[in-house]
Amino acid sequence: MVNRKWTFLSNHGHVFAYVAEHPQATTQYIAQKAGLSIRAVHVMLDDLVEEGYLERNRIGRNNQYKINPDKPLRHRLEKKHNVSNILRGLGIKVREEGM
């Protein structure tokens, strides 16, 4: 049997979950923790902001992120669930008004 390496969460999911716990993390640090390139993390953060899953606020030279816990998942099989369901399942504390 071939040992294929895969995970249940996509790279977007990994980045989103990390930012939910660490809203002030730099892109470089997120990339290091997620095992991704800095450019890939920039693209994923832009995607998440554009779709309304994250709100980006500029504070000085850095960004701080706030999640939208009520945003539904994108896939048609999961649209009845929101992102806070996933975060709670991962043991990430979710406040109803966002993070």
Protein backbone atom coordinates (compact mmCIF):
# COMPACT_ATOMS: atom_id res chain seq x y z
CA MET A 1 0.00 0.00 0.00
CA VAL A 2 1.29 3.45 -0.96
CA ASN A 3 1.66 5.89 1.91
CA ARG A 4 0.09 9.05 0.48
CA LYS A 5 0.47 12.19 2.55
CA TRP A 6 -2.69 14.26 2.73
CA THR A 7 -4.63 16.20 5.34
CA PHE A 8 -8.30 16.85 6.01
CA LEU A 9 -7.91 20.61 5.83
CA SER A 10 -6.76 22.46 2.74
CA ASN A 11 -3.90 24.92 2.90
CA HIS A 12 -6.50 27.70 3.09
CA GLY A 13 -7.98 25.89 6.10
CA HIS A 14 -4.58 25.63 7.77
CA VAL A 15 -3.89 29.33 7.26
CA PHE A 16 -7.38 30.31 8.45
CA ALA A 17 -7.15 28.18 11.60
CA TYR A 18 -3.70 29.52 12.44
CA VAL A 19 -4.81 33.13 11.98
CA ALA A 20 -7.89 32.48 14.14
CA GLU A 21 -5.56 31.63 17.03
CA HIS A 22 -2.82 34.13 16.14
CA PRO A 23 -4.48 37.22 14.57
CA GLN A 24 -1.28 39.29 14.73
CA ALA A 25 1.04 36.69 13.19
CA THR A 26 3.17 37.87 10.30
CA THR A 27 2.86 36.29 6.89
CA GLN A 28 6.39 34.96 7.22
CA TYR A 29 5.57 33.28 10.53
CA ILE A 30 2.31 31.80 9.19
CA ALA A 31 4.20 30.42 6.19
CA GLN A 32 6.84 28.87 8.43
CA LYS A 33 4.27 27.24 10.72
CA ALA A 34 2.09 25.98 7.84
CA GLY A 35 5.02 24.76 5.74
CA LEU A 36 4.09 27.03 2.84
CA SER A 37 5.81 29.77 0.88
CA ILE A 38 5.28 33.38 1.93
CA ARG A 39 3.78 34.10 -1.50
CA ALA A 40 1.29 31.24 -1.14
CA VAL A 41 0.21 32.55 2.27
CA HIS A 42 -0.25 36.07 0.83
CA VAL A 43 -2.50 34.65 -1.88
CA MET A 44 -4.51 32.59 0.62
CA LEU A 45 -4.93 35.51 3.01
CA ASP A 46 -6.09 37.69 0.09
CA ASP A 47 -8.59 34.97 -0.91
CA LEU A 48 -9.92 34.69 2.66
CA VAL A 49 -10.26 38.48 2.97
CA GLU A 50 -11.89 38.81 -0.47
CA GLU A 51 -14.48 36.12 0.36
CA GLY A 52 -15.27 37.68 3.77
CA TYR A 53 -13.80 34.96 6.00
CA LEU A 54 -11.20 37.38 7.37
CA GLU A 55 -11.07 41.12 7.89
CA ARG A 56 -7.63 42.69 7.58
CA ASN A 57 -6.73 45.78 9.59
CA ARG A 58 -3.45 47.60 9.10
CA ILE A 59 -1.77 48.56 12.37
CA GLY A 60 1.47 50.40 11.74
CA ARG A 61 3.56 48.21 9.45
CA ASN A 62 1.68 45.01 10.33
CA ASN A 63 -1.68 43.46 9.65
CA GLN A 64 -4.09 42.15 12.23
CA TYR A 65 -6.89 39.79 11.23
CA LYS A 66 -10.39 39.24 12.54
CA ILE A 67 -12.39 36.18 11.57
CA ASN A 68 -16.03 36.12 10.53
CA PRO A 69 -17.25 33.11 12.56
CA ASP A 70 -20.68 33.09 10.90
CA LYS A 71 -19.44 32.73 7.35
CA PRO A 72 -20.69 29.44 5.85
CA LEU A 73 -18.30 26.91 4.37
CA ARG A 74 -17.96 27.09 0.59
CA HIS A 75 -18.52 23.53 -0.60
CA ARG A 76 -22.12 22.61 -1.45
CA LEU A 77 -22.03 19.62 0.92
CA GLU A 78 -20.92 21.82 3.84
CA LYS A 79 -22.81 25.11 3.28
CA LYS A 80 -25.10 24.43 6.25
CA HIS A 81 -22.07 24.76 8.56
CA ASN A 82 -20.09 27.88 9.32
CA VAL A 83 -16.38 28.28 9.96
CA SER A 84 -16.87 28.49 13.73
CA ASN A 85 -17.98 24.82 13.65
CA ILE A 86 -14.62 23.83 12.16
CA LEU A 87 -12.63 26.00 14.55
CA ARG A 88 -14.47 24.65 17.59
CA GLY A 89 -13.83 21.13 16.36
CA LEU A 90 -10.12 21.94 16.26
CA GLY A 91 -10.27 23.26 19.82
CA ILE A 92 -9.92 26.90 18.79
CA LYS A 93 -11.93 29.27 20.95
CA VAL A 94 -14.45 31.19 18.88
CA ARG A 95 -16.22 34.28 20.18
CA GLU A 96 -19.59 34.99 18.63
CA GLU A 97 -18.66 38.55 17.66
CA GLY A 98 -15.46 37.41 15.94
CA MET A 99 -11.90 37.36 17.13
